[in-house]
N, C-alpha and C. Protein backbone atom coordinates (compact mmCIF):
# COMPACT_ATOMS: atom_id res chain seq x y z
N MET A 1 10.40 -0.57 14.74
CA MET A 1 9.16 0.01 14.25
C MET A 1 9.16 1.48 14.81
N LYS A 2 9.06 2.88 13.72
CA LYS A 2 9.48 3.92 14.08
C LYS A 2 8.20 4.45 14.63
N ARG A 3 8.27 5.20 15.52
CA ARG A 3 7.28 5.61 16.51
C ARG A 3 6.93 6.94 15.77
N LEU A 4 5.77 7.53 15.71
CA LEU A 4 5.39 8.99 14.97
C LEU A 4 4.40 9.40 16.05
N THR A 5 4.93 10.79 16.34
CA THR A 5 4.46 11.68 17.18
C THR A 5 3.76 12.79 16.44
N THR A 6 2.59 13.40 16.65
CA THR A 6 1.86 14.71 15.97
C THR A 6 1.21 15.18 17.05
N LYS A 7 1.46 16.71 16.89
CA LYS A 7 0.34 17.38 17.26
C LYS A 7 -0.26 18.30 16.38
N LEU A 8 -1.69 18.34 16.30
CA LEU A 8 -2.14 19.16 15.25
C LEU A 8 -3.23 19.74 16.07
N ALA A 9 -3.04 21.21 16.34
CA ALA A 9 -4.37 22.07 16.93
C ALA A 9 -5.27 22.62 15.64
N THR A 10 -6.49 22.38 15.97
CA THR A 10 -7.53 22.53 14.88
C THR A 10 -8.46 23.78 15.60
N LEU A 11 -9.15 24.85 14.83
CA LEU A 11 -9.98 25.37 15.57
C LEU A 11 -11.22 25.07 15.22
N THR A 12 -12.09 24.90 16.45
CA THR A 12 -13.42 24.16 16.31
C THR A 12 -14.49 25.19 15.56
N VAL A 13 -15.06 24.15 14.44
CA VAL A 13 -16.27 24.81 13.61
C VAL A 13 -17.44 24.46 14.22
N ILE A 14 -18.17 25.82 14.21
CA ILE A 14 -19.61 25.26 14.91
C ILE A 14 -20.44 25.65 13.79
N PHE A 15 -21.34 24.69 13.27
CA PHE A 15 -22.62 25.02 12.32
C PHE A 15 -23.77 25.01 13.11
N ALA A 16 -24.52 26.22 12.70
CA ALA A 16 -25.91 26.24 13.43
C ALA A 16 -26.85 25.32 12.45
N LEU A 17 -26.51 24.11 12.63
CA LEU A 17 -27.87 22.83 12.33
C LEU A 17 -28.13 21.94 13.57
N ALA A 18 -29.38 21.50 13.07
CA ALA A 18 -29.87 20.55 13.86
C ALA A 18 -29.05 19.12 13.70
N ALA A 19 -27.94 19.11 14.05
CA ALA A 19 -27.39 17.59 13.76
C ALA A 19 -26.39 17.48 15.14
N LEU A 20 -26.01 16.18 15.13
CA LEU A 20 -25.13 15.39 16.09
C LEU A 20 -23.67 15.91 15.76
N PRO A 21 -22.87 17.00 16.26
CA PRO A 21 -21.53 17.27 15.89
C PRO A 21 -20.36 16.22 16.57
N LEU A 22 -19.64 16.18 15.57
CA LEU A 22 -18.43 15.11 15.89
C LEU A 22 -17.22 16.25 15.22
N THR A 23 -16.31 16.29 16.38
CA THR A 23 -15.12 17.21 16.14
C THR A 23 -13.90 16.58 16.36
N ALA A 24 -13.18 16.19 15.33
CA ALA A 24 -11.90 15.10 15.59
C ALA A 24 -10.86 16.14 15.27
N CYS A 25 -9.18 15.92 15.64
CA CYS A 25 -8.20 16.51 15.41
C CYS A 25 -7.58 15.28 14.74
N GLY A 26 -6.75 15.95 13.71
CA GLY A 26 -6.02 14.39 12.59
C GLY A 26 -4.61 14.32 13.78
N GLY A 27 -4.08 13.26 12.97
CA GLY A 27 -2.84 12.89 13.77
C GLY A 27 -2.89 11.23 14.33
N SER A 28 -1.84 10.84 14.37
CA SER A 28 -1.57 9.25 14.57
C SER A 28 -0.79 8.96 15.78
N GLY A 29 -0.90 8.41 16.58
CA GLY A 29 0.04 7.83 17.94
C GLY A 29 0.50 8.93 18.65
N GLY A 30 0.18 8.71 19.87
CA GLY A 30 0.97 9.87 20.86
C GLY A 30 0.29 11.23 20.45
N THR A 31 -0.86 11.50 20.05
CA THR A 31 -1.21 12.86 19.77
C THR A 31 -1.75 13.71 20.87
N ASP A 32 -1.40 14.96 20.64
CA ASP A 32 -1.76 15.97 21.62
C ASP A 32 -2.38 17.18 20.84
N ALA A 33 -3.74 17.27 21.22
CA ALA A 33 -4.49 18.02 20.40
C ALA A 33 -5.03 19.01 21.27
N GLY A 34 -5.34 20.35 20.54
CA GLY A 34 -6.22 21.40 21.20
C GLY A 34 -6.57 22.58 20.25
N THR A 35 -6.85 23.77 20.87
CA THR A 35 -7.58 24.47 20.26
C THR A 35 -6.93 25.78 20.77
N ASN A 36 -6.26 26.64 19.56
CA ASN A 36 -5.26 27.82 19.98
C ASN A 36 -6.01 28.90 19.31
N GLU A 37 -6.23 30.06 20.34
CA GLU A 37 -6.73 31.41 19.78
C GLU A 37 -5.63 32.19 19.19
N PRO A 38 -5.41 32.90 18.09
CA PRO A 38 -4.09 33.96 17.76
C PRO A 38 -3.95 34.68 18.90
N SER A 39 -2.55 34.77 19.13
CA SER A 39 -2.39 35.57 20.10
C SER A 39 -2.09 37.09 19.24
N PRO A 40 -1.96 38.27 20.23
CA PRO A 40 -2.15 39.48 19.24
C PRO A 40 -0.83 39.79 18.38
N ALA A 41 0.38 38.99 18.94
CA ALA A 41 1.31 38.89 17.60
C ALA A 41 0.98 38.28 16.28
N ALA A 42 0.01 37.42 16.58
CA ALA A 42 -0.70 36.73 15.05
C ALA A 42 -0.87 37.86 14.13
N THR A 43 -1.42 38.64 14.45
CA THR A 43 -2.08 39.50 13.62
C THR A 43 -1.26 40.78 13.21
N GLN A 44 0.06 40.79 13.28
CA GLN A 44 1.07 41.62 13.18
C GLN A 44 1.71 41.21 11.73
N THR A 45 2.49 42.11 11.01
CA THR A 45 2.95 41.47 9.77
C THR A 45 4.48 41.84 10.34
N THR A 46 5.31 40.57 9.93
CA THR A 46 6.51 40.56 10.37
C THR A 46 7.62 40.19 9.13
N GLU A 47 8.68 40.88 8.72
CA GLU A 47 9.60 40.45 7.91
C GLU A 47 10.32 39.34 7.87
N VAL A 48 10.27 38.08 7.14
CA VAL A 48 10.56 36.87 7.80
C VAL A 48 11.56 36.51 6.41
N ASP A 49 12.66 35.77 6.65
CA ASP A 49 13.29 35.31 5.66
C ASP A 49 13.77 33.70 5.94
N PRO A 50 12.93 32.80 5.56
CA PRO A 50 13.16 31.36 5.86
C PRO A 50 14.79 30.75 5.78
N SER A 51 15.13 31.22 4.38
CA SER A 51 16.36 31.14 3.94
C SER A 51 17.17 31.07 4.82
N SER A 52 17.39 32.28 6.27
CA SER A 52 18.41 32.44 6.87
C SER A 52 18.46 31.42 7.85
N TRP A 53 17.45 30.65 8.49
CA TRP A 53 17.06 29.76 9.43
C TRP A 53 18.00 28.68 9.24
N ALA A 54 18.97 28.07 10.05
CA ALA A 54 20.12 27.17 10.33
C ALA A 54 19.42 25.87 11.00
N THR A 55 18.75 26.26 12.35
CA THR A 55 18.11 25.49 13.18
C THR A 55 16.58 25.81 13.64
N LEU A 56 15.97 24.98 14.20
CA LEU A 56 14.65 25.24 14.20
C LEU A 56 14.84 26.77 15.60
N SER A 57 15.63 26.78 16.10
CA SER A 57 15.82 27.53 17.21
C SER A 57 15.59 28.93 16.40
N ASP A 58 16.16 29.24 15.44
CA ASP A 58 16.24 30.28 14.45
C ASP A 58 14.77 30.63 13.96
N ALA A 59 14.01 29.38 13.63
CA ALA A 59 12.58 29.43 12.93
C ALA A 59 11.98 30.13 14.11
N PHE A 60 12.00 29.55 15.44
CA PHE A 60 10.86 30.04 16.66
C PHE A 60 10.94 31.19 17.21
N ALA A 61 12.08 31.61 16.95
CA ALA A 61 12.76 33.22 17.48
C ALA A 61 11.64 34.10 17.33
N SER A 62 10.72 34.29 16.38
CA SER A 62 9.86 35.38 16.31
C SER A 62 8.37 34.31 15.91
N ALA A 63 8.46 33.39 16.44
CA ALA A 63 7.31 32.52 16.10
C ALA A 63 6.29 32.63 17.24
N ASP A 64 4.80 32.55 16.93
CA ASP A 64 3.88 32.01 18.00
C ASP A 64 3.78 30.76 18.38
N LEU A 65 4.28 30.52 19.40
CA LEU A 65 4.56 29.12 19.93
C LEU A 65 3.43 28.22 19.88
N SER A 66 2.46 29.19 20.53
CA SER A 66 1.10 28.49 20.79
C SER A 66 0.67 28.08 19.60
N SER A 67 0.57 28.39 18.14
CA SER A 67 0.65 27.96 16.83
C SER A 67 1.04 26.92 16.61
N LEU A 68 2.18 26.16 17.07
CA LEU A 68 3.10 25.32 16.66
C LEU A 68 2.37 23.91 16.74
N ASN A 69 2.55 23.20 15.53
CA ASN A 69 1.90 21.95 15.24
C ASN A 69 2.97 21.28 14.47
N TYR A 70 3.30 20.13 14.76
CA TYR A 70 4.25 19.16 14.38
C TYR A 70 3.97 17.80 14.53
N GLY A 71 4.75 17.10 13.46
CA GLY A 71 4.78 15.42 13.69
C GLY A 71 6.45 14.84 13.24
N TYR A 72 6.59 13.91 13.92
CA TYR A 72 7.85 13.51 13.73
C TYR A 72 8.02 11.97 14.05
N ASP A 73 8.97 11.84 13.41
CA ASP A 73 9.13 9.90 13.42
C ASP A 73 11.09 10.11 13.97
N ASP A 74 11.61 8.85 13.84
CA ASP A 74 12.82 8.40 14.37
C ASP A 74 13.97 9.48 13.66
N ASP A 75 13.82 9.71 12.46
CA ASP A 75 14.57 10.57 11.47
C ASP A 75 14.02 12.22 10.96
N THR A 76 12.85 12.36 10.83
CA THR A 76 12.36 13.71 10.32
C THR A 76 11.28 14.31 11.21
N PHE A 77 11.35 15.77 11.36
CA PHE A 77 10.67 16.52 12.09
C PHE A 77 10.23 17.48 11.26
N VAL A 78 8.62 17.75 11.16
CA VAL A 78 8.12 18.31 10.20
C VAL A 78 7.25 19.38 11.11
N CYS A 79 7.17 20.67 11.37
CA CYS A 79 6.33 21.43 12.08
C CYS A 79 5.68 22.80 11.05
N VAL A 80 4.40 23.36 11.61
CA VAL A 80 4.13 24.16 10.96
C VAL A 80 3.73 25.38 12.00
N PHE A 81 3.81 26.72 11.88
CA PHE A 81 3.73 27.78 12.94
C PHE A 81 3.73 29.06 12.39
N GLN A 82 3.06 30.08 13.09
CA GLN A 82 2.67 31.21 12.42
C GLN A 82 4.03 32.45 13.00
N ILE A 83 4.10 33.32 11.91
CA ILE A 83 4.85 34.45 12.63
C ILE A 83 3.72 35.45 11.97
N GLY A 84 3.65 36.43 12.78
CA GLY A 84 2.61 37.32 12.25
C GLY A 84 0.97 36.62 11.59
N ASP A 85 0.70 37.28 10.30
CA ASP A 85 -0.31 36.22 9.74
C ASP A 85 0.14 35.43 8.76
N ALA A 86 1.13 34.99 8.85
CA ALA A 86 1.86 33.92 7.83
C ALA A 86 2.16 32.65 8.40
N TYR A 87 1.83 31.63 7.70
CA TYR A 87 1.99 30.36 7.77
C TYR A 87 3.60 29.52 7.24
N TYR A 88 4.29 29.10 8.29
CA TYR A 88 5.47 28.33 7.75
C TYR A 88 5.63 27.19 8.35
N ARG A 89 6.35 26.58 7.27
CA ARG A 89 6.44 24.97 7.58
C ARG A 89 8.13 24.65 7.47
N THR A 90 8.54 23.75 8.10
CA THR A 90 9.86 23.72 8.20
C THR A 90 10.28 21.85 8.30
N VAL A 91 10.93 21.30 7.63
CA VAL A 91 11.26 20.28 7.71
C VAL A 91 13.02 20.08 8.17
N ALA A 92 12.82 19.43 9.24
CA ALA A 92 14.62 18.99 9.91
C ALA A 92 14.67 17.74 10.01
N LYS A 93 15.96 17.58 10.36
CA LYS A 93 16.60 16.26 10.71
C LYS A 93 16.24 16.01 12.15
N MET A 94 15.63 14.82 12.56
CA MET A 94 15.92 14.14 13.71
C MET A 94 16.89 13.63 14.57
N VAL A 95 17.01 13.62 15.72
CA VAL A 95 18.06 12.82 16.08
C VAL A 95 17.64 12.03 17.26
N ASP A 96 18.47 11.10 17.70
CA ASP A 96 17.92 9.99 18.64
C ASP A 96 17.71 10.79 20.08
N GLU A 97 19.12 11.93 20.19
CA GLU A 97 19.04 12.12 21.58
C GLU A 97 17.82 13.14 21.95
N VAL A 98 17.31 14.25 20.95
CA VAL A 98 16.32 14.92 21.09
C VAL A 98 15.17 14.09 20.93
N HIS A 99 15.16 13.21 20.14
CA HIS A 99 13.87 12.50 19.60
C HIS A 99 13.30 11.83 21.29
N GLU A 100 14.60 11.20 22.14
CA GLU A 100 14.23 10.69 23.41
C GLU A 100 13.67 11.83 24.59
N LYS A 101 14.18 13.23 24.21
CA LYS A 101 14.19 13.99 25.27
C LYS A 101 12.75 14.62 25.35
N THR A 102 11.94 14.24 23.62
CA THR A 102 10.51 14.80 23.80
C THR A 102 9.66 14.21 24.58
N TYR A 103 10.06 12.61 24.71
CA TYR A 103 9.18 12.01 25.47
C TYR A 103 8.93 11.98 27.02
N GLY A 104 10.18 13.01 27.67
CA GLY A 104 10.56 13.13 28.62
C GLY A 104 9.71 14.50 29.10
N LEU A 105 9.09 15.25 28.39
CA LEU A 105 8.41 16.57 28.68
C LEU A 105 7.38 16.32 29.34
N ASP A 106 6.46 16.93 30.15
CA ASP A 106 5.23 17.36 30.91
C ASP A 106 4.30 17.97 29.87
N MET A 107 3.46 17.10 29.35
CA MET A 107 2.73 17.64 28.40
C MET A 107 1.26 18.66 29.03
N SER A 108 1.46 18.37 30.51
CA SER A 108 0.30 19.21 31.13
C SER A 108 0.88 20.46 31.53
N ALA A 109 2.55 20.68 31.35
CA ALA A 109 2.80 22.11 32.23
C ALA A 109 2.21 23.20 31.04
N GLU A 110 2.30 24.16 31.80
CA GLU A 110 2.09 25.52 31.13
C GLU A 110 2.64 26.09 30.25
N ASP A 111 4.06 25.52 30.63
CA ASP A 111 4.93 26.11 29.66
C ASP A 111 5.39 25.00 28.48
N TYR A 112 4.36 23.79 28.22
CA TYR A 112 4.88 22.69 27.45
C TYR A 112 5.48 23.43 25.89
N ASP A 113 4.74 24.31 25.49
CA ASP A 113 4.92 24.42 23.99
C ASP A 113 6.65 25.22 24.14
N GLU A 114 6.87 26.20 25.20
CA GLU A 114 8.04 26.79 25.20
C GLU A 114 9.33 25.67 25.53
N GLN A 115 8.80 24.60 26.52
CA GLN A 115 9.76 23.42 26.92
C GLN A 115 10.04 22.91 25.40
N PHE A 116 8.96 22.29 24.84
CA PHE A 116 9.29 21.56 23.52
C PHE A 116 10.01 22.10 22.35
N ALA A 117 9.70 23.53 22.24
CA ALA A 117 10.36 24.32 21.21
C ALA A 117 11.94 24.37 21.59
N ALA A 118 12.35 24.63 22.83
CA ALA A 118 13.81 24.57 23.30
C ALA A 118 14.69 23.17 23.07
N THR A 119 13.66 22.32 23.29
CA THR A 119 14.11 20.88 23.15
C THR A 119 14.37 20.51 21.61
N VAL A 120 13.59 20.77 20.78
CA VAL A 120 13.96 20.81 19.31
C VAL A 120 14.63 21.67 18.69
N GLY A 121 14.86 22.73 19.41
CA GLY A 121 15.51 23.98 18.86
C GLY A 121 16.75 23.67 18.04
N GLU A 122 17.69 22.54 18.50
CA GLU A 122 18.82 22.32 18.08
C GLU A 122 18.90 21.58 16.73
N LEU A 123 17.64 21.09 16.47
CA LEU A 123 17.75 20.58 15.21
C LEU A 123 17.85 21.10 13.69
N GLU A 124 18.69 20.71 12.83
CA GLU A 124 19.16 21.43 11.71
C GLU A 124 17.96 21.60 10.71
N ILE A 125 17.73 22.97 10.12
CA ILE A 125 16.68 22.70 9.44
C ILE A 125 16.98 22.14 7.55
N LEU A 126 16.34 21.31 6.93
CA LEU A 126 16.56 20.78 5.87
C LEU A 126 15.86 21.51 4.92
N GLU A 127 15.07 22.17 4.98
CA GLU A 127 13.85 23.00 4.33
C GLU A 127 13.03 23.82 5.16
N ALA A 128 12.62 25.15 4.34
CA ALA A 128 11.54 25.92 5.29
C ALA A 128 11.07 26.93 3.99
N SER A 129 9.69 26.78 4.16
CA SER A 129 9.01 27.95 3.41
C SER A 129 7.73 28.28 3.90
N ASP A 130 7.36 29.42 3.17
CA ASP A 130 5.86 30.16 3.64
C ASP A 130 4.83 29.55 2.74
N ILE A 131 4.01 28.94 3.32
CA ILE A 131 2.97 28.12 2.90
C ILE A 131 1.53 29.06 3.10
N THR A 132 1.50 30.35 3.38
CA THR A 132 0.42 31.11 3.59
C THR A 132 -0.61 31.48 2.24
N ASP A 133 0.09 31.26 1.20
CA ASP A 133 -0.40 31.36 -0.26
C ASP A 133 -1.65 30.05 -0.38
N GLU A 134 -1.08 29.11 0.15
CA GLU A 134 -1.86 27.63 0.13
C GLU A 134 -3.35 27.86 0.66
N LEU A 135 -3.58 28.75 1.31
CA LEU A 135 -4.26 28.71 2.23
C LEU A 135 -5.96 29.65 1.54
N MET A 136 -6.75 28.67 1.38
CA MET A 136 -7.72 29.30 0.57
C MET A 136 -8.56 30.33 1.27
N SER A 137 -8.86 31.23 0.91
CA SER A 137 -10.04 32.38 1.50
C SER A 137 -11.25 31.70 1.78
N GLN A 138 -11.94 32.52 2.59
CA GLN A 138 -13.20 32.04 3.03
C GLN A 138 -14.42 31.97 1.85
N GLU A 139 -13.96 33.48 0.96
CA GLU A 139 -14.62 33.62 -0.31
C GLU A 139 -14.41 32.53 -1.13
N ASP A 140 -13.07 31.89 -1.27
CA ASP A 140 -12.57 31.06 -2.20
C ASP A 140 -13.27 30.22 -2.29
N ILE A 141 -13.23 29.45 -0.74
CA ILE A 141 -13.89 27.88 -0.23
C ILE A 141 -15.56 28.30 -0.44
N GLU A 142 -15.81 29.36 -0.61
CA GLU A 142 -17.67 29.08 -0.39
C GLU A 142 -18.03 29.00 -1.87
N GLN A 143 -17.03 29.14 -2.99
CA GLN A 143 -17.20 28.92 -4.46
C GLN A 143 -17.71 27.21 -4.30
N TYR A 144 -17.43 26.55 -3.47
CA TYR A 144 -17.88 24.96 -3.69
C TYR A 144 -19.16 24.65 -3.26
N VAL A 145 -19.60 25.90 -2.66
CA VAL A 145 -21.26 25.56 -2.16
C VAL A 145 -21.96 25.46 -3.46
N GLY A 146 -23.07 24.10 -3.47
CA GLY A 146 -23.63 23.90 -4.46
C GLY A 146 -22.71 22.57 -5.36
N LYS A 147 -21.29 22.28 -5.02
CA LYS A 147 -21.08 21.18 -5.90
C LYS A 147 -20.97 20.11 -5.04
N THR A 148 -21.00 18.78 -5.51
CA THR A 148 -20.69 17.70 -5.01
C THR A 148 -19.31 16.82 -4.12
N GLY A 149 -19.59 16.04 -3.65
CA GLY A 149 -18.53 15.64 -2.68
C GLY A 149 -17.33 15.34 -3.83
N GLN A 150 -17.86 14.53 -5.08
CA GLN A 150 -17.20 14.13 -6.11
C GLN A 150 -16.40 15.36 -6.94
N ASP A 151 -17.24 16.47 -6.96
CA ASP A 151 -16.66 17.64 -7.39
C ASP A 151 -15.20 18.23 -6.79
N LEU A 152 -15.67 18.17 -5.65
CA LEU A 152 -14.26 18.43 -4.66
C LEU A 152 -13.32 17.61 -4.87
N VAL A 153 -13.39 16.52 -4.89
CA VAL A 153 -12.33 15.39 -5.10
C VAL A 153 -11.73 15.61 -6.63
N ASP A 154 -12.66 15.82 -7.65
CA ASP A 154 -12.11 16.22 -8.87
C ASP A 154 -11.25 17.68 -8.95
N ALA A 155 -11.10 18.51 -8.01
CA ALA A 155 -10.88 19.63 -7.64
C ALA A 155 -9.49 19.56 -7.24
N GLY A 156 -9.20 18.26 -6.63
CA GLY A 156 -7.79 18.32 -5.84
C GLY A 156 -7.95 17.94 -4.21
N PHE A 157 -9.23 17.86 -3.64
CA PHE A 157 -9.42 17.80 -2.25
C PHE A 157 -9.20 16.17 -1.95
N ILE A 158 -8.50 16.23 -0.80
CA ILE A 158 -8.66 14.83 -0.01
C ILE A 158 -9.46 14.47 0.98
N PHE A 159 -10.53 13.45 1.10
CA PHE A 159 -11.26 13.01 2.37
C PHE A 159 -10.36 13.00 3.45
N SER A 160 -10.61 13.62 4.59
CA SER A 160 -9.76 13.55 5.70
C SER A 160 -10.61 12.45 6.87
N ASN A 161 -12.16 13.24 7.16
CA ASN A 161 -12.74 12.54 8.13
C ASN A 161 -14.26 13.41 8.35
N TYR A 162 -15.27 12.74 9.06
CA TYR A 162 -16.31 12.84 9.15
C TYR A 162 -16.18 14.09 10.32
N ILE A 163 -17.09 15.08 10.51
CA ILE A 163 -16.86 15.85 11.68
C ILE A 163 -18.34 15.80 12.17
N MET A 164 -19.57 15.73 11.23
CA MET A 164 -20.86 15.80 12.00
C MET A 164 -21.62 14.68 11.40
N TYR A 165 -22.33 14.21 12.35
CA TYR A 165 -23.32 13.07 11.45
C TYR A 165 -24.60 13.00 12.32
N GLY A 166 -25.42 11.92 12.08
CA GLY A 166 -26.78 11.81 12.88
C GLY A 166 -27.91 12.64 12.94
N GLY A 167 -27.67 13.73 11.95
CA GLY A 167 -28.84 14.82 11.93
C GLY A 167 -29.22 14.74 10.42
N GLU A 168 -29.98 15.71 9.86
CA GLU A 168 -30.54 15.73 8.58
C GLU A 168 -29.26 16.22 7.57
N GLU A 169 -28.00 16.41 8.12
CA GLU A 169 -26.96 16.48 7.06
C GLU A 169 -25.97 16.25 7.51
N THR A 170 -24.82 16.55 6.82
CA THR A 170 -23.44 15.86 7.34
C THR A 170 -22.62 16.89 7.11
N GLY A 171 -21.51 16.44 8.12
CA GLY A 171 -20.16 17.38 8.09
C GLY A 171 -18.68 16.67 7.83
N ALA A 172 -18.03 17.08 7.19
CA ALA A 172 -16.68 16.44 6.84
C ALA A 172 -15.45 17.47 6.67
N ASP A 173 -14.51 16.90 6.85
CA ASP A 173 -13.04 18.03 6.88
C ASP A 173 -12.46 17.32 5.37
N LEU A 174 -12.03 18.17 4.46
CA LEU A 174 -11.31 17.85 3.41
C LEU A 174 -10.20 18.61 3.23
N ASP A 175 -9.02 17.75 3.12
CA ASP A 175 -7.58 18.70 2.75
C ASP A 175 -7.35 18.91 1.45
N LYS A 176 -6.49 19.98 1.23
CA LYS A 176 -6.05 20.40 0.03
C LYS A 176 -4.55 20.69 0.09
N GLY A 177 -3.34 20.43 -0.32
CA GLY A 177 -2.41 20.94 -0.05
C GLY A 177 -2.26 21.07 1.33
N SER A 178 -1.63 21.91 2.22
CA SER A 178 -1.54 22.01 3.79
C SER A 178 -2.52 22.35 4.42
N PHE A 179 -3.42 22.49 4.24
CA PHE A 179 -4.46 23.03 4.63
C PHE A 179 -6.07 22.11 4.85
N ALA A 180 -6.85 22.11 5.95
CA ALA A 180 -8.05 21.43 5.73
C ALA A 180 -9.15 22.16 5.76
N TYR A 181 -10.32 21.74 5.09
CA TYR A 181 -11.45 22.85 5.06
C TYR A 181 -12.41 21.69 5.38
N SER A 182 -13.80 22.61 6.06
CA SER A 182 -14.97 22.00 6.12
C SER A 182 -16.19 22.26 5.63
N PHE A 183 -16.89 21.06 5.39
CA PHE A 183 -17.75 21.31 4.50
C PHE A 183 -19.02 20.85 5.10
N ILE A 184 -20.60 21.08 4.90
CA ILE A 184 -21.79 20.95 5.05
C ILE A 184 -22.46 20.06 4.13
N PHE A 185 -22.72 18.68 4.07
CA PHE A 185 -23.64 18.07 2.68
C PHE A 185 -25.02 18.05 3.28
N ASP A 186 -25.73 18.13 2.25
CA ASP A 186 -27.07 17.70 2.45
C ASP A 186 -27.67 16.33 2.23
N THR A 187 -26.78 15.46 3.10
CA THR A 187 -27.36 14.20 3.48
C THR A 187 -27.03 13.60 4.38
N GLN A 188 -27.68 12.63 5.14
CA GLN A 188 -27.85 12.13 6.40
C GLN A 188 -27.34 10.70 6.25
N ILE A 189 -26.03 10.54 7.47
CA ILE A 189 -25.81 9.56 7.94
C ILE A 189 -25.58 9.12 9.06
N SER A 190 -25.57 7.81 9.47
CA SER A 190 -25.39 7.19 10.86
C SER A 190 -23.95 7.25 11.17
N GLU A 191 -24.06 7.19 12.68
CA GLU A 191 -22.87 7.07 13.38
C GLU A 191 -22.10 5.80 12.77
N GLU A 192 -22.67 4.67 12.59
CA GLU A 192 -22.51 3.36 12.06
C GLU A 192 -21.75 3.75 10.56
N GLN A 193 -22.38 4.08 9.97
CA GLN A 193 -21.94 4.39 8.32
C GLN A 193 -21.10 5.29 8.47
N ALA A 194 -20.60 6.35 9.47
CA ALA A 194 -19.59 7.09 9.60
C ALA A 194 -18.15 6.24 9.96
N ASP A 195 -18.54 5.52 10.67
CA ASP A 195 -17.16 4.80 11.30
C ASP A 195 -17.01 3.56 10.28
N SER A 196 -17.35 3.28 9.24
CA SER A 196 -17.20 2.35 8.43
C SER A 196 -16.90 3.18 6.85
N ASP A 197 -16.84 4.30 6.92
CA ASP A 197 -16.53 5.00 5.45
C ASP A 197 -15.68 5.79 5.78
N SER A 198 -14.46 5.20 5.47
CA SER A 198 -12.94 5.74 5.67
C SER A 198 -12.78 6.71 4.61
N GLU A 199 -13.30 6.30 3.37
CA GLU A 199 -12.92 7.07 2.16
C GLU A 199 -13.92 8.27 1.79
N GLY A 200 -14.75 8.48 2.49
CA GLY A 200 -15.94 9.58 2.31
C GLY A 200 -16.83 9.20 1.09
N SER A 201 -16.96 7.68 0.95
CA SER A 201 -17.93 7.41 -0.39
C SER A 201 -19.24 7.75 -0.23
N LEU A 202 -19.84 8.19 0.98
CA LEU A 202 -21.22 8.46 1.41
C LEU A 202 -21.38 10.00 0.94
N ILE A 203 -20.54 10.76 0.83
CA ILE A 203 -20.86 12.11 0.44
C ILE A 203 -20.42 12.47 -1.05
N MET A 204 -19.84 11.42 -1.79
CA MET A 204 -19.61 12.02 -3.12
C MET A 204 -20.62 12.32 -4.00
N GLY A 205 -21.94 11.90 -3.68
CA GLY A 205 -23.07 12.31 -4.30
C GLY A 205 -23.63 13.27 -3.78
N ALA A 206 -23.16 13.73 -2.65
CA ALA A 206 -24.07 14.99 -1.88
C ALA A 206 -23.78 16.18 -2.16
N THR A 207 -24.39 17.31 -2.05
CA THR A 207 -24.41 18.48 -2.20
C THR A 207 -23.60 19.60 -1.19
N VAL A 208 -22.87 20.03 -1.67
CA VAL A 208 -22.21 20.95 -0.33
C VAL A 208 -23.18 22.43 -0.29
N VAL A 209 -23.72 22.43 1.15
CA VAL A 209 -24.44 23.48 1.49
C VAL A 209 -23.86 24.91 2.28
N GLU A 210 -22.74 24.24 3.01
CA GLU A 210 -21.96 25.26 3.56
C GLU A 210 -20.42 24.75 3.64
N ALA A 211 -19.60 26.17 3.77
CA ALA A 211 -17.91 25.58 3.35
C ALA A 211 -17.50 26.49 4.26
N GLN A 212 -16.28 26.26 5.22
CA GLN A 212 -15.49 26.77 6.05
C GLN A 212 -14.09 26.67 5.85
N SER A 213 -13.40 27.92 5.81
CA SER A 213 -11.92 27.79 6.00
C SER A 213 -11.42 28.60 7.12
N ASN A 214 -10.92 27.80 8.04
CA ASN A 214 -10.52 28.30 9.33
C ASN A 214 -8.82 28.15 9.43
N GLY A 215 -8.08 28.06 8.61
CA GLY A 215 -6.72 27.92 8.81
C GLY A 215 -6.27 26.76 9.51
N ASN A 216 -6.94 25.57 9.74
CA ASN A 216 -7.08 24.18 9.94
C ASN A 216 -5.89 23.57 9.22
N LEU A 217 -4.99 22.72 9.54
CA LEU A 217 -3.65 22.25 8.76
C LEU A 217 -4.28 20.64 8.44
N SER A 218 -3.51 20.44 7.27
CA SER A 218 -3.81 19.13 6.52
C SER A 218 -3.48 17.83 7.03
N ASN A 219 -3.72 16.64 7.30
CA ASN A 219 -2.83 15.66 7.69
C ASN A 219 -1.45 15.77 7.06
N ALA A 220 -1.45 15.64 5.56
CA ALA A 220 -0.10 15.75 4.77
C ALA A 220 1.02 16.88 5.27
N ALA A 221 0.20 18.07 5.86
CA ALA A 221 1.32 19.24 6.42
C ALA A 221 2.24 18.61 7.15
N LEU A 222 1.81 17.72 7.99
CA LEU A 222 2.55 17.24 9.47
C LEU A 222 3.11 15.88 9.12
N ASP A 223 2.99 15.45 7.93
CA ASP A 223 3.69 14.15 7.76
C ASP A 223 5.07 13.87 7.40
N PRO A 224 5.80 13.24 8.41
CA PRO A 224 7.23 13.24 8.24
C PRO A 224 7.61 12.30 6.84
N ALA A 225 6.91 11.52 6.97
CA ALA A 225 6.85 10.29 5.70
C ALA A 225 6.79 10.97 4.07
N ALA A 226 5.79 12.04 4.19
CA ALA A 226 6.03 12.68 3.22
C ALA A 226 6.80 13.83 2.82
N ALA A 227 7.75 14.09 3.74
CA ALA A 227 8.68 14.86 3.62
C ALA A 227 9.84 14.59 3.25
N LYS A 228 10.03 13.36 2.89
CA LYS A 228 11.23 12.55 2.79
C LYS A 228 11.54 12.04 1.27
């Protein structure tokens, strides 16, 4: 059986609503999740040519490693990171030796990001691209206020998970392309209902009252199976 490992760092979304918040990070199996604040370097513009990268070390040379998110199995490594204000996604060929080394790293170490980047740095890149244009702006995502959950699905969004329930309104993350977006709906659901609704059916008829774009990644962005 193939082992799947992911790290998905999401920015916490706080809505000023009288409801019980539930925050969640995507990924499956051996997940390391956290919240990363953009570094000063992430606000600068950098000239980058992804086609010049042969290995992950080349890609990471100018990257903000605190923004590094990844998913991998026995033969494929996928990661997304920032260089300046831009988001880059790479797919690399995983090899057994490197795969085993990653499991020996101390995830509690202060320099874990640097250790991990150095460990996978030798992996050969199969494809690399700038995915910044996929990210919808706050202005763009707010155009869905007043729409229903079904309208979002019809527009290409995919339900990911509930992030808030138990109050007068309900929050959920929905994915589109490489990024995830947070929506608040004018419906009330319980914890039991949220736990049993993996498809988001309970918000399909509800109306969006608030929407947020925070640069969070979708599940598909780091799925090695989807990259093959």
